[in-house]
PDB file of N, CA and C in Angstrom:
ATOM      1  N   UNK A   1      -9.448  -6.182 -16.749  1.00  0.00           N
ATOM      2  CA  UNK A   1      -9.866  -6.692 -15.267  1.00  0.00           C
ATOM      3  C   UNK A   1      -8.662  -7.162 -14.616  1.00  0.00           C
ATOM      4  N   UNK A   2      -8.716  -6.463 -13.372  1.00  0.00           N
ATOM      5  CA  UNK A   2      -7.281  -6.429 -12.464  1.00  0.00           C
ATOM      6  C   UNK A   2      -7.073  -7.748 -12.038  1.00  0.00           C
ATOM      7  N   UNK A   3      -5.776  -8.174 -12.087  1.00  0.00           N
ATOM      8  CA  UNK A   3      -5.032  -9.579 -11.576  1.00  0.00           C
ATOM      9  C   UNK A   3      -5.175  -9.417 -10.281  1.00  0.00           C
ATOM     10  N   UNK A   4      -5.539 -10.750  -9.657  1.00  0.00           N
ATOM     11  CA  UNK A   4      -5.377 -11.241  -8.514  1.00  0.00           C
ATOM     12  C   UNK A   4      -3.742 -10.629  -8.012  1.00  0.00           C
ATOM     13  N   UNK A   5      -3.270 -10.285  -6.737  1.00  0.00           N
ATOM     14  CA  UNK A   5      -2.050 -10.204  -6.062  1.00  0.00           C
ATOM     15  C   UNK A   5      -1.200 -11.105  -5.924  1.00  0.00           C
ATOM     16  N   UNK A   6      -0.530 -11.686  -6.399  1.00  0.00           N
ATOM     17  CA  UNK A   6       0.787 -12.886  -6.311  1.00  0.00           C
ATOM     18  C   UNK A   6       1.869 -12.548  -5.821  1.00  0.00           C
ATOM     19  N   UNK A   7       1.867 -12.895  -4.732  1.00  0.00           N
ATOM     20  CA  UNK A   7       3.230 -12.153  -3.891  1.00  0.00           C
ATOM     21  C   UNK A   7       4.158 -13.288  -4.527  1.00  0.00           C
ATOM     22  N   UNK A   8       4.498 -14.390  -4.717  1.00  0.00           N
ATOM     23  CA  UNK A   8       5.295 -15.207  -5.112  1.00  0.00           C
ATOM     24  C   UNK A   8       6.022 -14.646  -6.457  1.00  0.00           C
ATOM     25  N   UNK A   9       4.999 -13.822  -7.505  1.00  0.00           N
ATOM     26  CA  UNK A   9       5.278 -13.711  -8.670  1.00  0.00           C
ATOM     27  C   UNK A   9       6.098 -12.205  -8.388  1.00  0.00           C
ATOM     28  N   UNK A  10       5.057 -11.290  -7.783  1.00  0.00           N
ATOM     29  CA  UNK A  10       5.542 -10.016  -7.380  1.00  0.00           C
ATOM     30  C   UNK A  10       6.545  -9.684  -6.535  1.00  0.00           C
ATOM     31  N   UNK A  11       6.778 -10.257  -5.545  1.00  0.00           N
ATOM     32  CA  UNK A  11       8.217  -9.855  -4.542  1.00  0.00           C
ATOM     33  C   UNK A  11       9.026 -11.078  -4.770  1.00  0.00           C
ATOM     34  N   UNK A  12       9.078 -12.065  -5.214  1.00  0.00           N
ATOM     35  CA  UNK A  12       9.940 -12.904  -5.478  1.00  0.00           C
ATOM     36  C   UNK A  12      10.803 -13.449  -6.698  1.00  0.00           C
ATOM     37  N   UNK A  13       9.764 -12.980  -7.453  1.00  0.00           N
ATOM     38  CA  UNK A  13       9.882 -13.528  -8.752  1.00  0.00           C
ATOM     39  C   UNK A  13       9.895 -15.072  -9.482  1.00  0.00           C
ATOM     40  N   UNK A  14       8.866 -15.478  -9.093  1.00  0.00           N
ATOM     41  CA  UNK A  14       8.580 -16.798  -9.195  1.00  0.00           C
ATOM     42  C   UNK A  14       7.316 -17.036  -9.810  1.00  0.00           C
ATOM     43  N   UNK A  15       7.339 -17.669 -11.304  1.00  0.00           N
ATOM     44  CA  UNK A  15       6.669 -17.614 -12.329  1.00  0.00           C
ATOM     45  C   UNK A  15       5.486 -18.495 -11.691  1.00  0.00           C
ATOM     46  N   UNK A  16       4.462 -18.634 -12.416  1.00  0.00           N
ATOM     47  CA  UNK A  16       3.373 -19.434 -12.066  1.00  0.00           C
ATOM     48  C   UNK A  16       3.427 -20.977 -12.286  1.00  0.00           C
ATOM     49  N   UNK A  17       4.180 -21.400 -13.095  1.00  0.00           N
ATOM     50  CA  UNK A  17       4.677 -22.454 -13.549  1.00  0.00           C
ATOM     51  C   UNK A  17       5.683 -23.272 -12.433  1.00  0.00           C
ATOM     52  N   UNK A  18       5.979 -22.239 -11.561  1.00  0.00           N
ATOM     53  CA  UNK A  18       7.161 -22.778 -10.870  1.00  0.00           C
ATOM     54  C   UNK A  18       6.556 -22.612  -9.217  1.00  0.00           C
ATOM     55  N   UNK A  19       5.130 -22.337  -9.176  1.00  0.00           N
ATOM     56  CA  UNK A  19       4.128 -22.611  -7.938  1.00  0.00           C
ATOM     57  C   UNK A  19       3.531 -23.781  -7.812  1.00  0.00           C
ATOM     58  N   UNK A  20       3.373 -24.222  -6.389  1.00  0.00           N
ATOM     59  CA  UNK A  20       4.226 -23.939  -5.375  1.00  0.00           C
ATOM     60  C   UNK A  20       5.425 -23.986  -5.452  1.00  0.00           C
ATOM     61  N   UNK A  21       6.341 -23.072  -4.841  1.00  0.00           N
ATOM     62  CA  UNK A  21       7.829 -22.929  -4.919  1.00  0.00           C
ATOM     63  C   UNK A  21       8.022 -24.286  -3.699  1.00  0.00           C
ATOM     64  N   UNK A  22       9.242 -24.747  -4.067  1.00  0.00           N
ATOM     65  CA  UNK A  22       9.851 -25.764  -2.648  1.00  0.00           C
ATOM     66  C   UNK A  22      10.794 -24.305  -1.686  1.00  0.00           C
ATOM     67  N   UNK A  23      11.410 -25.096  -0.981  1.00  0.00           N
ATOM     68  CA  UNK A  23      11.989 -24.489   0.120  1.00  0.00           C
ATOM     69  C   UNK A  23      13.403 -23.591  -0.483  1.00  0.00           C
ATOM     70  N   UNK A  24      13.666 -24.409  -1.389  1.00  0.00           N
ATOM     71  CA  UNK A  24      15.269 -24.046  -2.001  1.00  0.00           C
ATOM     72  C   UNK A  24      15.057 -22.806  -2.751  1.00  0.00           C
ATOM     73  N   UNK A  25      13.536 -22.649  -3.617  1.00  0.00           N
ATOM     74  CA  UNK A  25      13.539 -21.712  -4.457  1.00  0.00           C
ATOM     75  C   UNK A  25      13.127 -20.743  -3.898  1.00  0.00           C
ATOM     76  N   UNK A  26      12.176 -20.809  -2.576  1.00  0.00           N
ATOM     77  CA  UNK A  26      11.777 -19.337  -2.090  1.00  0.00           C
ATOM     78  C   UNK A  26      13.092 -18.630  -1.445  1.00  0.00           C
ATOM     79  N   UNK A  27      14.374 -19.546  -1.158  1.00  0.00           N
ATOM     80  CA  UNK A  27      15.286 -18.487  -0.332  1.00  0.00           C
ATOM     81  C   UNK A  27      16.496 -18.400  -1.609  1.00  0.00           C
ATOM     82  N   UNK A  28      16.232 -18.885  -2.875  1.00  0.00           N
ATOM     83  CA  UNK A  28      17.435 -18.632  -3.992  1.00  0.00           C
ATOM     84  C   UNK A  28      18.399 -19.175  -3.972  1.00  0.00           C
ATOM     85  N   UNK A  29      18.563 -20.713  -3.308  1.00  0.00           N
ATOM     86  CA  UNK A  29      19.618 -20.888  -3.482  1.00  0.00           C
ATOM     87  C   UNK A  29      19.628 -22.622  -4.269  1.00  0.00           C
ATOM     88  N   UNK A  30      20.516 -22.983  -4.654  1.00  0.00           N
ATOM     89  CA  UNK A  30      20.069 -24.306  -5.804  1.00  0.00           C
ATOM     90  C   UNK A  30      19.575 -25.233  -4.825  1.00  0.00           C
ATOM     91  N   UNK A  31      18.983 -26.438  -5.599  1.00  0.00           N
ATOM     92  CA  UNK A  31      18.353 -27.140  -5.088  1.00  0.00           C
ATOM     93  C   UNK A  31      19.465 -28.108  -4.521  1.00  0.00           C
ATOM     94  N   UNK A  32      19.005 -28.673  -3.171  1.00  0.00           N
ATOM     95  CA  UNK A  32      19.733 -29.498  -2.426  1.00  0.00           C
ATOM     96  C   UNK A  32      20.917 -29.020  -1.772  1.00  0.00           C
ATOM     97  N   UNK A  33      20.998 -27.484  -1.457  1.00  0.00           N
ATOM     98  CA  UNK A  33      22.076 -26.827  -1.163  1.00  0.00           C
ATOM     99  C   UNK A  33      22.091 -27.268   0.392  1.00  0.00           C
ATOM    100  N   UNK A  34      23.501 -27.838   0.661  1.00  0.00           N
ATOM    101  CA  UNK A  34      23.476 -28.549   1.900  1.00  0.00           C
ATOM    102  C   UNK A  34      24.652 -27.545   3.148  1.00  0.00           C
ATOM    103  N   UNK A  35      24.969 -26.684   2.438  1.00  0.00           N
ATOM    104  CA  UNK A  35      26.051 -25.658   3.325  1.00  0.00           C
ATOM    105  C   UNK A  35      25.268 -24.528   4.332  1.00  0.00           C
ATOM    106  N   UNK A  36      25.262 -24.861   5.568  1.00  0.00           N
ATOM    107  CA  UNK A  36      24.304 -24.367   6.388  1.00  0.00           C
ATOM    108  C   UNK A  36      24.744 -22.730   6.346  1.00  0.00           C
ATOM    109  N   UNK A  37      26.272 -22.299   6.395  1.00  0.00           N
ATOM    110  CA  UNK A  37      26.064 -20.913   6.420  1.00  0.00           C
ATOM    111  C   UNK A  37      25.360 -20.074   4.774  1.00  0.00           C
ATOM    112  N   UNK A  38      25.408 -21.074   3.997  1.00  0.00           N
ATOM    113  CA  UNK A  38      24.740 -20.554   2.676  1.00  0.00           C
ATOM    114  C   UNK A  38      23.144 -20.573   2.835  1.00  0.00           C
ATOM    115  N   UNK A  39      22.552 -21.547   3.276  1.00  0.00           N
ATOM    116  CA  UNK A  39      21.196 -21.469   3.737  1.00  0.00           C
ATOM    117  C   UNK A  39      20.714 -20.416   4.618  1.00  0.00           C
ATOM    118  N   UNK A  40      21.359 -20.452   6.025  1.00  0.00           N
ATOM    119  CA  UNK A  40      21.261 -19.248   6.654  1.00  0.00           C
ATOM    120  C   UNK A  40      21.401 -17.795   6.170  1.00  0.00           C
ATOM    121  N   UNK A  41      22.270 -17.587   5.066  1.00  0.00           N
ATOM    122  CA  UNK A  41      22.496 -16.206   5.040  1.00  0.00           C
ATOM    123  C   UNK A  41      21.319 -15.960   4.150  1.00  0.00           C
ATOM    124  N   UNK A  42      21.007 -17.128   3.273  1.00  0.00           N
ATOM    125  CA  UNK A  42      19.611 -16.700   1.742  1.00  0.00           C
ATOM    126  C   UNK A  42      18.199 -16.412   2.862  1.00  0.00           C
ATOM    127  N   UNK A  43      18.051 -17.257   3.898  1.00  0.00           N
ATOM    128  CA  UNK A  43      16.941 -17.137   5.190  1.00  0.00           C
ATOM    129  C   UNK A  43      17.256 -15.444   5.442  1.00  0.00           C
ATOM    130  N   UNK A  44      18.129 -15.495   6.238  1.00  0.00           N
ATOM    131  CA  UNK A  44      18.566 -13.724   6.861  1.00  0.00           C
ATOM    132  C   UNK A  44      18.158 -12.759   5.497  1.00  0.00           C
ATOM    133  N   UNK A  45      18.376 -12.602   4.293  1.00  0.00           N
ATOM    134  CA  UNK A  45      18.342 -11.773   3.310  1.00  0.00           C
ATOM    135  C   UNK A  45      16.765 -12.166   2.898  1.00  0.00           C
ATOM    136  N   UNK A  46      15.979 -13.404   2.923  1.00  0.00           N
ATOM    137  CA  UNK A  46      14.620 -13.251   2.647  1.00  0.00           C
ATOM    138  C   UNK A  46      13.777 -13.088   3.665  1.00  0.00           C
ATOM    139  N   UNK A  47      14.154 -12.878   5.183  1.00  0.00           N
ATOM    140  CA  UNK A  47      13.351 -12.525   6.179  1.00  0.00           C
ATOM    141  C   UNK A  47      13.343 -10.731   6.079  1.00  0.00           C
ATOM    142  N   UNK A  48      14.568 -10.441   5.638  1.00  0.00           N
ATOM    143  CA  UNK A  48      14.501  -9.322   5.735  1.00  0.00           C
ATOM    144  C   UNK A  48      13.934  -8.193   4.802  1.00  0.00           C
ATOM    145  N   UNK A  49      13.839  -8.727   3.477  1.00  0.00           N
ATOM    146  CA  UNK A  49      13.078  -8.703   2.433  1.00  0.00           C
ATOM    147  C   UNK A  49      11.454  -8.423   2.576  1.00  0.00           C
ATOM    148  N   UNK A  50      11.281  -9.109   3.488  1.00  0.00           N
ATOM    149  CA  UNK A  50       9.639  -9.416   3.602  1.00  0.00           C
ATOM    150  C   UNK A  50       9.486  -8.608   4.784  1.00  0.00           C
ATOM    151  N   UNK A  51      10.076  -8.215   5.317  1.00  0.00           N
ATOM    152  CA  UNK A  51      10.134  -7.436   6.492  1.00  0.00           C
ATOM    153  C   UNK A  51       9.701  -6.106   6.124  1.00  0.00           C
ATOM    154  N   UNK A  52      10.465  -5.766   5.291  1.00  0.00           N
ATOM    155  CA  UNK A  52      10.239  -4.290   4.507  1.00  0.00           C
ATOM    156  C   UNK A  52       9.048  -4.093   3.610  1.00  0.00           C
ATOM    157  N   UNK A  53       8.556  -5.393   2.912  1.00  0.00           N
ATOM    158  CA  UNK A  53       7.141  -5.507   2.682  1.00  0.00           C
ATOM    159  C   UNK A  53       5.964  -5.547   3.590  1.00  0.00           C
ATOM    160  N   UNK A  54       6.223  -5.989   4.668  1.00  0.00           N
ATOM    161  CA  UNK A  54       5.401  -5.957   5.843  1.00  0.00           C
ATOM    162  C   UNK A  54       4.647  -4.735   6.015  1.00  0.00           C
ATOM    163  N   UNK A  55       5.347  -3.365   5.711  1.00  0.00           N
ATOM    164  CA  UNK A  55       4.903  -2.493   5.952  1.00  0.00           C
ATOM    165  C   UNK A  55       3.677  -1.631   4.935  1.00  0.00           C
ATOM    166  N   UNK A  56       3.905  -2.714   4.028  1.00  0.00           N
ATOM    167  CA  UNK A  56       2.670  -2.099   2.537  1.00  0.00           C
ATOM    168  C   UNK A  56       1.477  -2.436   2.373  1.00  0.00           C
ATOM    169  N   UNK A  57       1.020  -2.358   1.555  1.00  0.00           N
ATOM    170  CA  UNK A  57      -0.613  -2.611   1.225  1.00  0.00           C
ATOM    171  C   UNK A  57      -0.962  -4.232   1.406  1.00  0.00           C
ATOM    172  N   UNK A  58       0.044  -4.808   1.403  1.00  0.00           N
ATOM    173  CA  UNK A  58      -0.026  -6.390   1.552  1.00  0.00           C
ATOM    174  C   UNK A  58       0.648  -6.816   2.520  1.00  0.00           C
ATOM    175  N   UNK A  59       0.465  -6.462   3.712  1.00  0.00           N
ATOM    176  CA  UNK A  59       1.044  -6.626   4.920  1.00  0.00           C
ATOM    177  C   UNK A  59       0.769  -8.338   5.606  1.00  0.00           C
ATOM    178  N   UNK A  60      -0.379  -8.179   5.262  1.00  0.00           N
ATOM    179  CA  UNK A  60      -1.079  -9.911   5.638  1.00  0.00           C
ATOM    180  C   UNK A  60      -0.318 -10.667   4.881  1.00  0.00           C
ATOM    181  N   UNK A  61      -0.226 -10.459   3.743  1.00  0.00           N
ATOM    182  CA  UNK A  61       0.227 -11.859   2.884  1.00  0.00           C
ATOM    183  C   UNK A  61       1.920 -12.092   3.265  1.00  0.00           C
ATOM    184  N   UNK A  62       2.518 -10.774   3.432  1.00  0.00           N
ATOM    185  CA  UNK A  62       4.081 -10.866   4.047  1.00  0.00           C
ATOM    186  C   UNK A  62       4.085 -11.327   5.257  1.00  0.00           C
ATOM    187  N   UNK A  63       3.147 -11.230   5.985  1.00  0.00           N
ATOM    188  CA  UNK A  63       3.687 -11.794   7.320  1.00  0.00           C
ATOM    189  C   UNK A  63       3.048 -13.523   7.186  1.00  0.00           C
ATOM    190  N   UNK A  64       2.254 -13.946   6.257  1.00  0.00           N
ATOM    191  CA  UNK A  64       1.995 -15.700   5.983  1.00  0.00           C
ATOM    192  C   UNK A  64       3.532 -16.081   5.624  1.00  0.00           C
TER     193      UNK A  64
END
């Protein structure tokens, strides 16, 4: 049987036991990171990654 598409797992490597992920986990920074440049760079990196995925078969999930 085919599994349901899990964008957290397949795109970001976030296992089911870590879902739903908190904001720090989504960005891949340590929890309670407070340096703005670190957070901003991580957000830019995540957005770039999602933009590339928005052209694929699961574009609706990438837009969410």
